Amino acid sequence: MRLARFSHPAVDGPLHGEVRGEQVVAFADGSTVLGRLTSGDRTPAGGAAYGLAEVELLMPHEPSGLFGIGRNYAAHAAELGNAVPTTPIVFAMPPAAATGPSGPVRKPTVTEQLDYEVELAIVAGRLPDGTIGAAGYCVANDVSARDLQASEGQWARAKGADTFVPFGPWITTADEVVGPDGAAAGETPTLRLRSWVDGQLRQDATTGDLIFGVRELLDHIGATTTLRPGDLILTGTPHGVGKATPRPDGSGTGVYLQPGNVVRMEIEHLGVIEHPIEDGAGRRQR
């Protein structure tokens, strides 16, 4: 099941439902995406159907917890000159960092080194056995202010600014990605993930290269923190980030995002998110 929150020009307010092929079918029982993650209910949607091309896909839900994992691909750690970690590096981001799949991402005036990171995001929710685990997956961009990341000991501002975590386009339930048994076991899906900036391919890798998989991350975070339905865990990014990209003039590395750029990210079976970069502060997409 692909759980989505969306708007349609003929309907007041956001709708919640299920994406089926080229349609999205609204829940007729008042269900929300977060409600489905909380209850574990997978009853098919039975409301009005809309063409997928006719709706705007919104942020699937408001996550109360956002966790990131640093240096979880060996090639990415190497491209930034870092050692491969022996335990997961976990950081937290405020809920206001989350925004919808089409953004926009707003570049704060305090950074000149805005970077992209395509990531598989784990979505916490209720499993058939009643426990909270990896109930679904989606695409996320772990936007990073590299200059702030380098100058500040904590990554709260570098990774957690408003609009720095676009995610979506919907939430694909784990049983569709790894099967019912794999979902129950927290099996790590092997999926191709890619990112582009203005149509230029920047990252192309597979989640099979993750150092710490889904089960390890859930156990590591869960040892100290109660995961709640809807919480997101961004599992790390592969190599190819802007900080490590050679400049066209041969003066070194570091090709950063600027207002006007458009970032596209895709993970097979999970969909595509695409968002522009804009200047300054502003309201995030809800």
Protein backbone atom coordinates (compact mmCIF):
# COMPACT_ATOMS: atom_id res chain seq x y z
CA MET A 1 0.00 0.00 0.00
CA ARG A 2 1.20 3.52 -0.85
CA LEU A 3 -0.16 6.01 1.68
CA ALA A 4 -0.49 9.59 0.48
CA ARG A 5 -1.72 12.98 1.57
CA PHE A 6 -2.78 15.19 -1.31
CA SER A 7 -4.85 18.12 -2.50
CA HIS A 8 -7.17 18.50 -5.49
CA PRO A 9 -8.38 21.83 -6.90
CA ALA A 10 -12.02 20.73 -6.69
CA VAL A 11 -11.85 19.76 -3.00
CA ASP A 12 -11.34 21.98 0.05
CA GLY A 13 -8.54 20.92 2.36
CA PRO A 14 -6.10 18.03 2.18
CA LEU A 15 -7.17 14.45 1.48
CA HIS A 16 -5.62 11.18 2.60
CA GLY A 17 -5.67 7.98 0.62
CA GLU A 18 -3.92 5.24 -1.27
CA VAL A 19 -2.00 5.52 -4.53
CA ARG A 20 -2.95 2.82 -7.03
CA GLY A 21 -1.21 3.00 -10.36
CA GLU A 22 -2.07 6.35 -11.95
CA GLN A 23 -4.84 7.09 -9.46
CA VAL A 24 -5.05 8.07 -5.83
CA VAL A 25 -8.13 6.82 -3.96
CA ALA A 26 -9.28 8.73 -0.89
CA PHE A 27 -10.02 7.02 2.40
CA ALA A 28 -13.78 7.07 2.90
CA ASP A 29 -13.65 6.33 6.62
CA GLY A 30 -11.83 9.48 7.73
CA SER A 31 -8.47 7.73 7.98
CA THR A 32 -5.24 9.73 7.77
CA VAL A 33 -1.78 8.57 6.82
CA LEU A 34 -0.59 9.00 10.40
CA GLY A 35 -3.68 7.20 11.67
CA ARG A 36 -2.94 4.24 9.42
CA LEU A 37 0.68 4.17 10.62
CA THR A 38 -0.54 4.25 14.23
CA SER A 39 -3.17 1.54 13.89
CA GLY A 40 -1.49 -0.69 11.34
CA ASP A 41 -4.77 -0.80 9.38
CA ARG A 42 -4.21 -1.76 5.74
CA THR A 43 -7.84 -1.83 4.61
CA PRO A 44 -7.95 -0.61 0.99
CA ALA A 45 -9.22 2.92 0.40
CA GLY A 46 -12.81 3.05 -0.85
CA GLY A 47 -13.54 6.71 -1.49
CA ALA A 48 -13.37 8.97 -4.51
CA ALA A 49 -10.62 8.36 -7.06
CA TYR A 50 -8.52 11.12 -8.60
CA GLY A 51 -5.96 11.06 -11.37
CA LEU A 52 -2.46 11.18 -9.94
CA ALA A 53 -1.52 13.85 -12.46
CA GLU A 54 -4.41 16.03 -11.22
CA VAL A 55 -3.40 16.20 -7.55
CA GLU A 56 -0.61 17.83 -5.59
CA LEU A 57 1.20 15.39 -3.32
CA LEU A 58 1.79 16.94 0.10
CA MET A 59 3.95 16.00 3.04
CA PRO A 60 2.46 12.59 3.93
CA HIS A 61 2.22 13.45 7.64
CA GLU A 62 3.80 15.61 10.34
CA PRO A 63 6.57 13.49 11.89
CA SER A 64 7.13 14.12 15.59
CA GLY A 65 10.61 12.61 15.48
CA LEU A 66 13.30 13.01 12.81
CA PHE A 67 16.56 11.09 13.08
CA GLY A 68 19.52 11.13 10.72
CA ILE A 69 22.39 8.68 10.36
CA GLY A 70 25.83 9.99 9.46
CA ARG A 71 28.45 8.27 7.30
CA ASN A 72 26.45 5.10 6.72
CA TYR A 73 27.97 4.40 3.29
CA ALA A 74 31.70 3.68 3.20
CA ALA A 75 32.26 5.50 -0.11
CA HIS A 76 30.55 8.63 1.22
CA ALA A 77 32.64 8.59 4.39
CA ALA A 78 35.77 8.26 2.24
CA GLU A 79 34.85 11.09 -0.17
CA LEU A 80 34.61 13.49 2.79
CA GLY A 81 37.80 12.19 4.39
CA ASN A 82 36.09 10.49 7.32
CA ALA A 83 36.66 7.09 8.88
CA VAL A 84 33.97 4.43 8.59
CA PRO A 85 32.08 4.40 11.93
CA THR A 86 31.95 1.30 14.09
CA THR A 87 28.56 2.24 15.55
CA PRO A 88 25.78 4.33 13.99
CA ILE A 89 26.19 8.11 14.20
CA VAL A 90 22.74 9.41 15.14
CA PHE A 91 21.57 13.01 15.11
CA ALA A 92 18.14 14.55 15.58
CA MET A 93 16.36 17.24 13.61
CA PRO A 94 13.36 19.34 14.70
CA PRO A 95 9.94 18.58 13.20
CA ALA A 96 9.96 21.97 11.44
CA ALA A 97 12.74 20.63 9.17
CA ALA A 98 10.22 18.35 7.45
CA THR A 99 8.50 19.53 4.30
CA GLY A 100 6.67 18.07 1.33
CA PRO A 101 8.18 16.30 -1.66
CA SER A 102 7.98 19.38 -3.90
CA GLY A 103 9.50 21.68 -1.29
CA PRO A 104 10.68 24.31 -1.79
CA VAL A 105 13.93 24.05 0.14
CA ARG A 106 14.90 27.48 1.44
CA LYS A 107 18.56 28.46 1.65
CA PRO A 108 19.28 30.33 4.90
CA THR A 109 21.41 33.45 4.56
CA VAL A 110 23.92 32.00 7.05
CA THR A 111 25.15 29.27 4.67
CA GLU A 112 27.04 29.40 1.39
CA GLN A 113 27.53 25.62 1.15
CA LEU A 114 24.08 24.08 0.75
CA ASP A 115 24.27 20.41 -0.19
CA TYR A 116 21.94 17.53 -1.10
CA GLU A 117 21.81 13.92 0.15
CA VAL A 118 19.42 11.33 -1.27
CA GLU A 119 18.40 8.90 1.46
CA LEU A 120 16.15 5.94 2.14
CA ALA A 121 13.89 6.96 5.02
CA ILE A 122 12.42 4.42 7.43
CA VAL A 123 8.91 5.32 8.57
CA ALA A 124 7.99 3.97 12.00
CA GLY A 125 4.57 2.46 12.55
CA ARG A 126 2.63 -0.41 14.00
CA LEU A 127 3.45 -3.87 12.69
CA PRO A 128 1.06 -6.86 12.59
CA ASP A 129 2.46 -8.17 15.90
CA GLY A 130 1.56 -4.89 17.62
CA THR A 131 5.11 -3.58 17.98
CA ILE A 132 6.44 -0.35 16.49
CA GLY A 133 9.00 -0.90 13.75
CA ALA A 134 9.77 -0.18 10.11
CA ALA A 135 6.21 0.05 8.81
CA GLY A 136 7.15 1.80 5.58
CA TYR A 137 9.74 3.59 3.48
CA CYS A 138 9.98 6.77 1.45
CA VAL A 139 12.46 9.05 -0.33
CA ALA A 140 14.10 11.89 1.59
CA ASN A 141 16.65 14.63 1.02
CA ASP A 142 18.90 15.28 4.02
CA VAL A 143 19.77 18.85 3.02
CA SER A 144 23.00 19.96 4.68
CA ALA A 145 24.74 23.29 5.27
CA ARG A 146 28.33 22.08 5.02
CA ASP A 147 29.93 25.25 6.37
CA LEU A 148 27.77 25.12 9.49
CA GLN A 149 28.41 21.39 9.80
CA ALA A 150 32.16 22.03 9.77
CA SER A 151 32.14 25.00 12.15
CA GLU A 152 29.68 23.78 14.78
CA GLY A 153 30.12 20.75 17.02
CA GLN A 154 26.43 19.84 16.81
CA TRP A 155 24.55 19.44 13.52
CA ALA A 156 21.20 20.88 14.62
CA ARG A 157 21.46 23.98 12.44
CA ALA A 158 23.44 22.34 9.64
CA LYS A 159 20.90 19.54 9.18
CA GLY A 160 17.74 20.79 10.86
CA ALA A 161 16.89 24.16 9.35
CA ASP A 162 13.33 24.74 8.22
CA THR A 163 12.54 22.82 4.98
CA PHE A 164 15.80 20.81 5.13
CA VAL A 165 14.02 17.42 5.04
CA PRO A 166 11.71 17.10 2.02
CA PHE A 167 10.21 13.61 1.96
CA GLY A 168 7.62 11.56 0.12
CA PRO A 169 6.13 11.34 -2.42
CA TRP A 170 4.12 8.85 -0.39
CA ILE A 171 4.85 6.11 2.13
CA THR A 172 5.18 2.62 0.72
CA THR A 173 4.35 0.02 3.36
CA ALA A 174 7.20 -2.33 4.19
CA ASP A 175 5.35 -5.47 3.10
CA GLU A 176 5.33 -4.14 -0.48
CA VAL A 177 9.09 -3.55 -0.38
CA VAL A 178 10.51 -6.61 1.43
CA GLY A 179 7.45 -8.86 1.80
CA PRO A 180 5.47 -9.59 4.99
CA ASP A 181 8.19 -11.75 6.58
CA GLY A 182 10.93 -9.26 5.73
CA ALA A 183 8.85 -6.42 7.13
CA ALA A 184 8.35 -8.27 10.42
CA ALA A 185 12.10 -8.95 10.68
CA GLY A 186 13.19 -5.42 9.80
CA GLU A 187 14.94 -6.66 6.68
CA THR A 188 16.92 -4.01 4.79
CA PRO A 189 15.58 -3.51 1.25
CA THR A 190 18.10 -3.42 -1.60
CA LEU A 191 17.04 -0.50 -3.78
CA ARG A 192 18.76 1.75 -6.29
CA LEU A 193 18.83 5.41 -5.24
CA ARG A 194 19.79 8.39 -7.40
CA SER A 195 19.88 12.18 -7.28
CA TRP A 196 20.09 14.89 -9.93
CA VAL A 197 20.68 18.64 -9.81
CA ASP A 198 19.23 20.51 -12.80
CA GLY A 199 19.08 17.22 -14.70
CA GLN A 200 22.70 16.26 -14.01
CA LEU A 201 23.11 12.89 -12.31
CA ARG A 202 25.01 13.32 -9.02
CA GLN A 203 24.44 10.15 -6.99
CA ASP A 204 23.80 6.58 -8.14
CA ALA A 205 24.13 3.73 -5.66
CA THR A 206 22.22 1.00 -3.87
CA THR A 207 21.02 0.60 -0.30
CA GLY A 208 22.85 -2.74 -0.38
CA ASP A 209 25.95 -0.65 0.45
CA LEU A 210 24.56 0.53 3.80
CA ILE A 211 26.97 -0.14 6.68
CA PHE A 212 24.19 -0.37 9.27
CA GLY A 213 20.89 -1.79 8.09
CA VAL A 214 17.31 -1.24 9.14
CA ARG A 215 17.26 -3.68 12.05
CA GLU A 216 20.54 -2.34 13.47
CA LEU A 217 19.35 1.26 13.27
CA LEU A 218 16.00 0.50 14.89
CA ASP A 219 17.69 -1.36 17.74
CA HIS A 220 20.39 1.29 18.20
CA ILE A 221 17.96 4.22 18.39
CA GLY A 222 15.37 2.21 20.30
CA ALA A 223 17.88 1.42 23.04
CA THR A 224 17.51 5.02 24.27
CA THR A 225 14.50 6.53 22.51
CA THR A 226 10.88 5.46 22.16
CA LEU A 227 10.00 5.47 18.48
CA ARG A 228 6.48 6.64 17.71
CA PRO A 229 4.33 6.05 14.64
CA GLY A 230 5.31 8.48 11.92
CA ASP A 231 8.87 9.02 13.13
CA LEU A 232 11.41 9.15 10.30
CA ILE A 233 14.91 7.66 10.29
CA LEU A 234 17.02 8.89 7.37
CA THR A 235 19.49 6.07 6.84
CA GLY A 236 22.41 7.97 5.30
CA THR A 237 23.55 9.01 1.84
CA PRO A 238 25.88 7.42 -0.72
CA HIS A 239 28.83 9.10 -2.43
CA GLY A 240 28.42 11.93 -4.91
CA VAL A 241 27.44 14.86 -2.69
CA GLY A 242 28.13 18.42 -3.76
CA LYS A 243 30.96 18.91 -1.30
CA ALA A 244 32.97 16.18 -3.06
CA THR A 245 32.03 17.17 -6.65
CA PRO A 246 34.90 18.64 -8.72
CA ARG A 247 34.38 22.27 -9.77
CA PRO A 248 34.19 22.87 -13.52
CA ASP A 249 37.15 25.28 -13.39
CA GLY A 250 39.44 22.65 -11.84
CA SER A 251 39.96 24.67 -8.65
CA GLY A 252 39.06 21.82 -6.32
CA THR A 253 35.86 20.26 -5.03
CA GLY A 254 32.63 21.75 -3.80
CA VAL A 255 29.64 22.41 -6.07
CA TYR A 256 26.82 23.68 -3.88
CA LEU A 257 23.12 24.33 -4.36
CA GLN A 258 21.99 27.82 -5.31
CA PRO A 259 18.55 29.45 -5.55
CA GLY A 260 17.03 28.39 -8.85
CA ASN A 261 18.49 24.87 -8.79
CA VAL A 262 16.04 21.95 -8.94
CA VAL A 263 16.87 18.75 -7.07
CA ARG A 264 15.35 15.42 -8.12
CA MET A 265 15.66 12.22 -6.11
CA GLU A 266 14.45 8.74 -6.92
CA ILE A 267 14.50 5.39 -5.12
CA GLU A 268 13.24 2.41 -7.09
CA HIS A 269 9.80 1.18 -6.02
CA LEU A 270 9.39 4.22 -3.72
CA GLY A 271 8.93 7.06 -6.20
CA VAL A 272 10.41 10.47 -6.96
CA ILE A 273 10.63 13.76 -5.08
CA GLU A 274 11.62 17.00 -6.82
CA HIS A 275 11.98 20.45 -5.32
CA PRO A 276 13.46 23.86 -6.14
CA ILE A 277 15.98 25.75 -4.04
CA GLU A 278 14.82 29.21 -2.99
CA ASP A 279 16.29 32.12 -1.06
CA GLY A 280 15.79 32.84 2.59
CA ALA A 281 13.14 32.03 5.13
CA GLY A 282 9.54 31.22 4.34
CA ARG A 283 6.69 28.87 5.09
CA ARG A 284 7.31 25.20 4.48
CA GLN A 285 4.88 23.05 2.53
CA ARG A 286 2.57 21.25 4.90
